[in-house]
């Protein structure tokens, strides 16, 4: 198994892997317990419309690939012309401690600068979840 993480922009063909990683990393679900894709799901609808909700709206979603497997994701969402939220930071639990999250964050910071954002901050929801100790 190689150690080199490849970071690149999300592609539509990544959707199933992003959906699975989102659930596996968030809830430590087993791969056979991943819920089916429901495009109008109010909790996760934007995950199914990444091109529309992120990429075409001044945001970004980067994926980390290791040995042809998507193992990490993170993105930014436009707040205003100078600010963006960091969102969807996920690293598969089997790869924790390998600094993949840090590598994705550095790539997001570089992309944010290219998009002219001056400030990156966590989403209000992630702040509340951490405060409530729910993540």
C-alpha atoms as a PDB file:
ATOM      1  CA  UNK A   1       0.000   0.000   0.000  1.00  0.00           C
ATOM      2  CA  UNK A   2       1.378   3.421  -0.963  1.00  0.00           C
ATOM      3  CA  UNK A   3       1.592   6.394   1.353  1.00  0.00           C
ATOM      4  CA  UNK A   4       1.122   9.154  -1.217  1.00  0.00           C
ATOM      5  CA  UNK A   5      -2.262  10.839  -1.008  1.00  0.00           C
ATOM      6  CA  UNK A   6      -3.428  12.416  -4.261  1.00  0.00           C
ATOM      7  CA  UNK A   7      -5.619  15.481  -3.737  1.00  0.00           C
ATOM      8  CA  UNK A   8      -7.848  16.626  -6.566  1.00  0.00           C
ATOM      9  CA  UNK A   9     -11.138  18.322  -7.294  1.00  0.00           C
ATOM     10  CA  UNK A  10     -14.356  16.347  -6.898  1.00  0.00           C
ATOM     11  CA  UNK A  11     -15.710  14.708 -10.058  1.00  0.00           C
ATOM     12  CA  UNK A  12     -19.284  13.554 -10.619  1.00  0.00           C
ATOM     13  CA  UNK A  13     -17.958   9.983 -10.808  1.00  0.00           C
ATOM     14  CA  UNK A  14     -16.834  10.361  -7.152  1.00  0.00           C
ATOM     15  CA  UNK A  15     -20.387  10.761  -5.880  1.00  0.00           C
ATOM     16  CA  UNK A  16     -20.979   7.219  -4.586  1.00  0.00           C
ATOM     17  CA  UNK A  17     -17.586   7.162  -2.846  1.00  0.00           C
ATOM     18  CA  UNK A  18     -18.184  10.611  -1.288  1.00  0.00           C
ATOM     19  CA  UNK A  19     -21.607   9.497  -0.052  1.00  0.00           C
ATOM     20  CA  UNK A  20     -20.161   6.334   1.481  1.00  0.00           C
ATOM     21  CA  UNK A  21     -17.192   8.126   3.086  1.00  0.00           C
ATOM     22  CA  UNK A  22     -19.472  10.823   4.452  1.00  0.00           C
ATOM     23  CA  UNK A  23     -21.417   8.183   6.369  1.00  0.00           C
ATOM     24  CA  UNK A  24     -18.584   5.847   7.286  1.00  0.00           C
ATOM     25  CA  UNK A  25     -16.457   8.697   8.667  1.00  0.00           C
ATOM     26  CA  UNK A  26     -19.325  10.538  10.363  1.00  0.00           C
ATOM     27  CA  UNK A  27     -20.962   7.600  12.093  1.00  0.00           C
ATOM     28  CA  UNK A  28     -18.426   4.804  11.797  1.00  0.00           C
ATOM     29  CA  UNK A  29     -21.073   2.915   9.805  1.00  0.00           C
ATOM     30  CA  UNK A  30     -20.120  -0.344   8.207  1.00  0.00           C
ATOM     31  CA  UNK A  31     -20.096  -0.087   4.405  1.00  0.00           C
ATOM     32  CA  UNK A  32     -23.126  -2.396   4.209  1.00  0.00           C
ATOM     33  CA  UNK A  33     -25.104   0.069   6.381  1.00  0.00           C
ATOM     34  CA  UNK A  34     -24.703   3.093   4.104  1.00  0.00           C
ATOM     35  CA  UNK A  35     -28.167   4.559   3.474  1.00  0.00           C
ATOM     36  CA  UNK A  36     -29.421   4.704  -0.091  1.00  0.00           C
ATOM     37  CA  UNK A  37     -29.061   7.922  -2.030  1.00  0.00           C
ATOM     38  CA  UNK A  38     -32.152  10.113  -1.638  1.00  0.00           C
ATOM     39  CA  UNK A  39     -31.698  13.273  -3.709  1.00  0.00           C
ATOM     40  CA  UNK A  40     -34.289  15.337  -1.815  1.00  0.00           C
ATOM     41  CA  UNK A  41     -33.143  14.297   1.663  1.00  0.00           C
ATOM     42  CA  UNK A  42     -33.250  17.557   3.677  1.00  0.00           C
ATOM     43  CA  UNK A  43     -30.322  16.503   5.861  1.00  0.00           C
ATOM     44  CA  UNK A  44     -28.020  15.499   3.002  1.00  0.00           C
ATOM     45  CA  UNK A  45     -29.583  16.894  -0.176  1.00  0.00           C
ATOM     46  CA  UNK A  46     -26.611  19.132  -0.855  1.00  0.00           C
ATOM     47  CA  UNK A  47     -24.308  16.088  -0.838  1.00  0.00           C
ATOM     48  CA  UNK A  48     -26.243  14.867  -3.869  1.00  0.00           C
ATOM     49  CA  UNK A  49     -25.970  18.203  -5.679  1.00  0.00           C
ATOM     50  CA  UNK A  50     -22.300  19.075  -5.132  1.00  0.00           C
ATOM     51  CA  UNK A  51     -21.879  20.596  -8.575  1.00  0.00           C
ATOM     52  CA  UNK A  52     -24.824  22.963  -7.994  1.00  0.00           C
ATOM     53  CA  UNK A  53     -24.427  23.721  -4.293  1.00  0.00           C
ATOM     54  CA  UNK A  54     -20.641  23.919  -4.099  1.00  0.00           C
ATOM     55  CA  UNK A  55     -18.735  24.011  -7.351  1.00  0.00           C
ATOM     56  CA  UNK A  56     -20.962  26.440  -9.281  1.00  0.00           C
ATOM     57  CA  UNK A  57     -21.519  28.724  -6.290  1.00  0.00           C
ATOM     58  CA  UNK A  58     -17.934  29.774  -5.620  1.00  0.00           C
ATOM     59  CA  UNK A  59     -17.076  26.784  -3.458  1.00  0.00           C
ATOM     60  CA  UNK A  60     -14.910  23.737  -3.811  1.00  0.00           C
ATOM     61  CA  UNK A  61     -14.820  20.080  -2.840  1.00  0.00           C
ATOM     62  CA  UNK A  62     -11.496  18.286  -2.791  1.00  0.00           C
ATOM     63  CA  UNK A  63     -11.016  14.565  -2.456  1.00  0.00           C
ATOM     64  CA  UNK A  64      -8.025  12.592  -1.223  1.00  0.00           C
ATOM     65  CA  UNK A  65      -7.300   9.380  -3.073  1.00  0.00           C
ATOM     66  CA  UNK A  66      -4.965   6.648  -1.879  1.00  0.00           C
ATOM     67  CA  UNK A  67      -4.392   3.467  -3.886  1.00  0.00           C
ATOM     68  CA  UNK A  68      -7.396   4.287  -6.109  1.00  0.00           C
ATOM     69  CA  UNK A  69      -9.686   4.615  -3.050  1.00  0.00           C
ATOM     70  CA  UNK A  70     -11.306   7.860  -1.956  1.00  0.00           C
ATOM     71  CA  UNK A  71     -10.253   8.184   1.690  1.00  0.00           C
ATOM     72  CA  UNK A  72     -10.732  11.875   2.512  1.00  0.00           C
ATOM     73  CA  UNK A  73     -12.924  14.833   1.534  1.00  0.00           C
ATOM     74  CA  UNK A  74     -13.204  18.470   2.477  1.00  0.00           C
ATOM     75  CA  UNK A  75     -14.673  21.539   0.898  1.00  0.00           C
ATOM     76  CA  UNK A  76     -15.422  25.217   1.138  1.00  0.00           C
ATOM     77  CA  UNK A  77     -18.732  27.018   0.752  1.00  0.00           C
ATOM     78  CA  UNK A  78     -18.953  30.664  -0.252  1.00  0.00           C
ATOM     79  CA  UNK A  79     -20.343  32.963   2.454  1.00  0.00           C
ATOM     80  CA  UNK A  80     -19.548  36.299   0.805  1.00  0.00           C
ATOM     81  CA  UNK A  81     -16.852  37.593  -1.574  1.00  0.00           C
ATOM     82  CA  UNK A  82     -14.159  37.413   1.118  1.00  0.00           C
ATOM     83  CA  UNK A  83     -15.286  34.537   3.394  1.00  0.00           C
ATOM     84  CA  UNK A  84     -15.956  30.841   3.007  1.00  0.00           C
ATOM     85  CA  UNK A  85     -16.956  28.049   5.371  1.00  0.00           C
ATOM     86  CA  UNK A  86     -14.908  24.874   5.613  1.00  0.00           C
ATOM     87  CA  UNK A  87     -17.275  21.932   5.355  1.00  0.00           C
ATOM     88  CA  UNK A  88     -17.467  18.184   4.905  1.00  0.00           C
ATOM     89  CA  UNK A  89     -14.094  17.419   6.435  1.00  0.00           C
ATOM     90  CA  UNK A  90     -13.950  13.636   6.524  1.00  0.00           C
ATOM     91  CA  UNK A  91     -11.111  11.130   6.686  1.00  0.00           C
ATOM     92  CA  UNK A  92     -11.824   7.429   6.696  1.00  0.00           C
ATOM     93  CA  UNK A  93     -11.144   6.127  10.215  1.00  0.00           C
ATOM     94  CA  UNK A  94      -8.655   3.569   8.878  1.00  0.00           C
ATOM     95  CA  UNK A  95      -6.468   6.499   7.807  1.00  0.00           C
ATOM     96  CA  UNK A  96      -6.648   8.719  10.872  1.00  0.00           C
ATOM     97  CA  UNK A  97      -3.302   9.964  12.130  1.00  0.00           C
ATOM     98  CA  UNK A  98      -1.730  10.084   8.679  1.00  0.00           C
ATOM     99  CA  UNK A  99      -2.157  13.868   8.307  1.00  0.00           C
ATOM    100  CA  UNK A 100      -4.533  13.521   5.378  1.00  0.00           C
ATOM    101  CA  UNK A 101      -6.911  16.059   6.907  1.00  0.00           C
ATOM    102  CA  UNK A 102      -4.055  18.518   7.277  1.00  0.00           C
ATOM    103  CA  UNK A 103      -3.006  17.964   3.650  1.00  0.00           C
ATOM    104  CA  UNK A 104      -6.575  18.586   2.473  1.00  0.00           C
ATOM    105  CA  UNK A 105      -6.783  21.746   4.567  1.00  0.00           C
ATOM    106  CA  UNK A 106      -3.592  23.099   3.020  1.00  0.00           C
ATOM    107  CA  UNK A 107      -4.962  22.389  -0.452  1.00  0.00           C
ATOM    108  CA  UNK A 108      -8.255  24.083   0.476  1.00  0.00           C
ATOM    109  CA  UNK A 109      -6.413  27.131   1.765  1.00  0.00           C
ATOM    110  CA  UNK A 110      -4.534  27.383  -1.527  1.00  0.00           C
ATOM    111  CA  UNK A 111      -7.775  27.017  -3.495  1.00  0.00           C
ATOM    112  CA  UNK A 112      -9.501  29.602  -1.286  1.00  0.00           C
ATOM    113  CA  UNK A 113      -6.745  32.111  -2.051  1.00  0.00           C
ATOM    114  CA  UNK A 114      -7.182  31.413  -5.765  1.00  0.00           C
ATOM    115  CA  UNK A 115     -10.910  32.137  -5.340  1.00  0.00           C
ATOM    116  CA  UNK A 116     -10.019  35.417  -3.533  1.00  0.00           C
ATOM    117  CA  UNK A 117     -11.298  34.363  -0.111  1.00  0.00           C
ATOM    118  CA  UNK A 118      -9.436  35.978   2.751  1.00  0.00           C
ATOM    119  CA  UNK A 119     -11.124  34.138   5.652  1.00  0.00           C
ATOM    120  CA  UNK A 120     -11.939  30.449   6.109  1.00  0.00           C
ATOM    121  CA  UNK A 121     -14.039  29.485   9.120  1.00  0.00           C
ATOM    122  CA  UNK A 122     -16.007  26.467  10.343  1.00  0.00           C
ATOM    123  CA  UNK A 123     -19.709  26.353   9.594  1.00  0.00           C
ATOM    124  CA  UNK A 124     -22.023  27.472  12.415  1.00  0.00           C
ATOM    125  CA  UNK A 125     -23.450  23.935  12.500  1.00  0.00           C
ATOM    126  CA  UNK A 126     -20.023  22.383  13.088  1.00  0.00           C
ATOM    127  CA  UNK A 127     -19.292  24.873  15.868  1.00  0.00           C
ATOM    128  CA  UNK A 128     -22.590  24.016  17.580  1.00  0.00           C
ATOM    129  CA  UNK A 129     -22.015  20.272  17.151  1.00  0.00           C
ATOM    130  CA  UNK A 130     -18.566  20.470  18.699  1.00  0.00           C
ATOM    131  CA  UNK A 131     -19.886  22.587  21.554  1.00  0.00           C
ATOM    132  CA  UNK A 132     -22.651  20.062  22.192  1.00  0.00           C
ATOM    133  CA  UNK A 133     -20.074  17.268  21.905  1.00  0.00           C
ATOM    134  CA  UNK A 134     -22.158  15.570  19.242  1.00  0.00           C
ATOM    135  CA  UNK A 135     -19.228  15.140  16.854  1.00  0.00           C
END
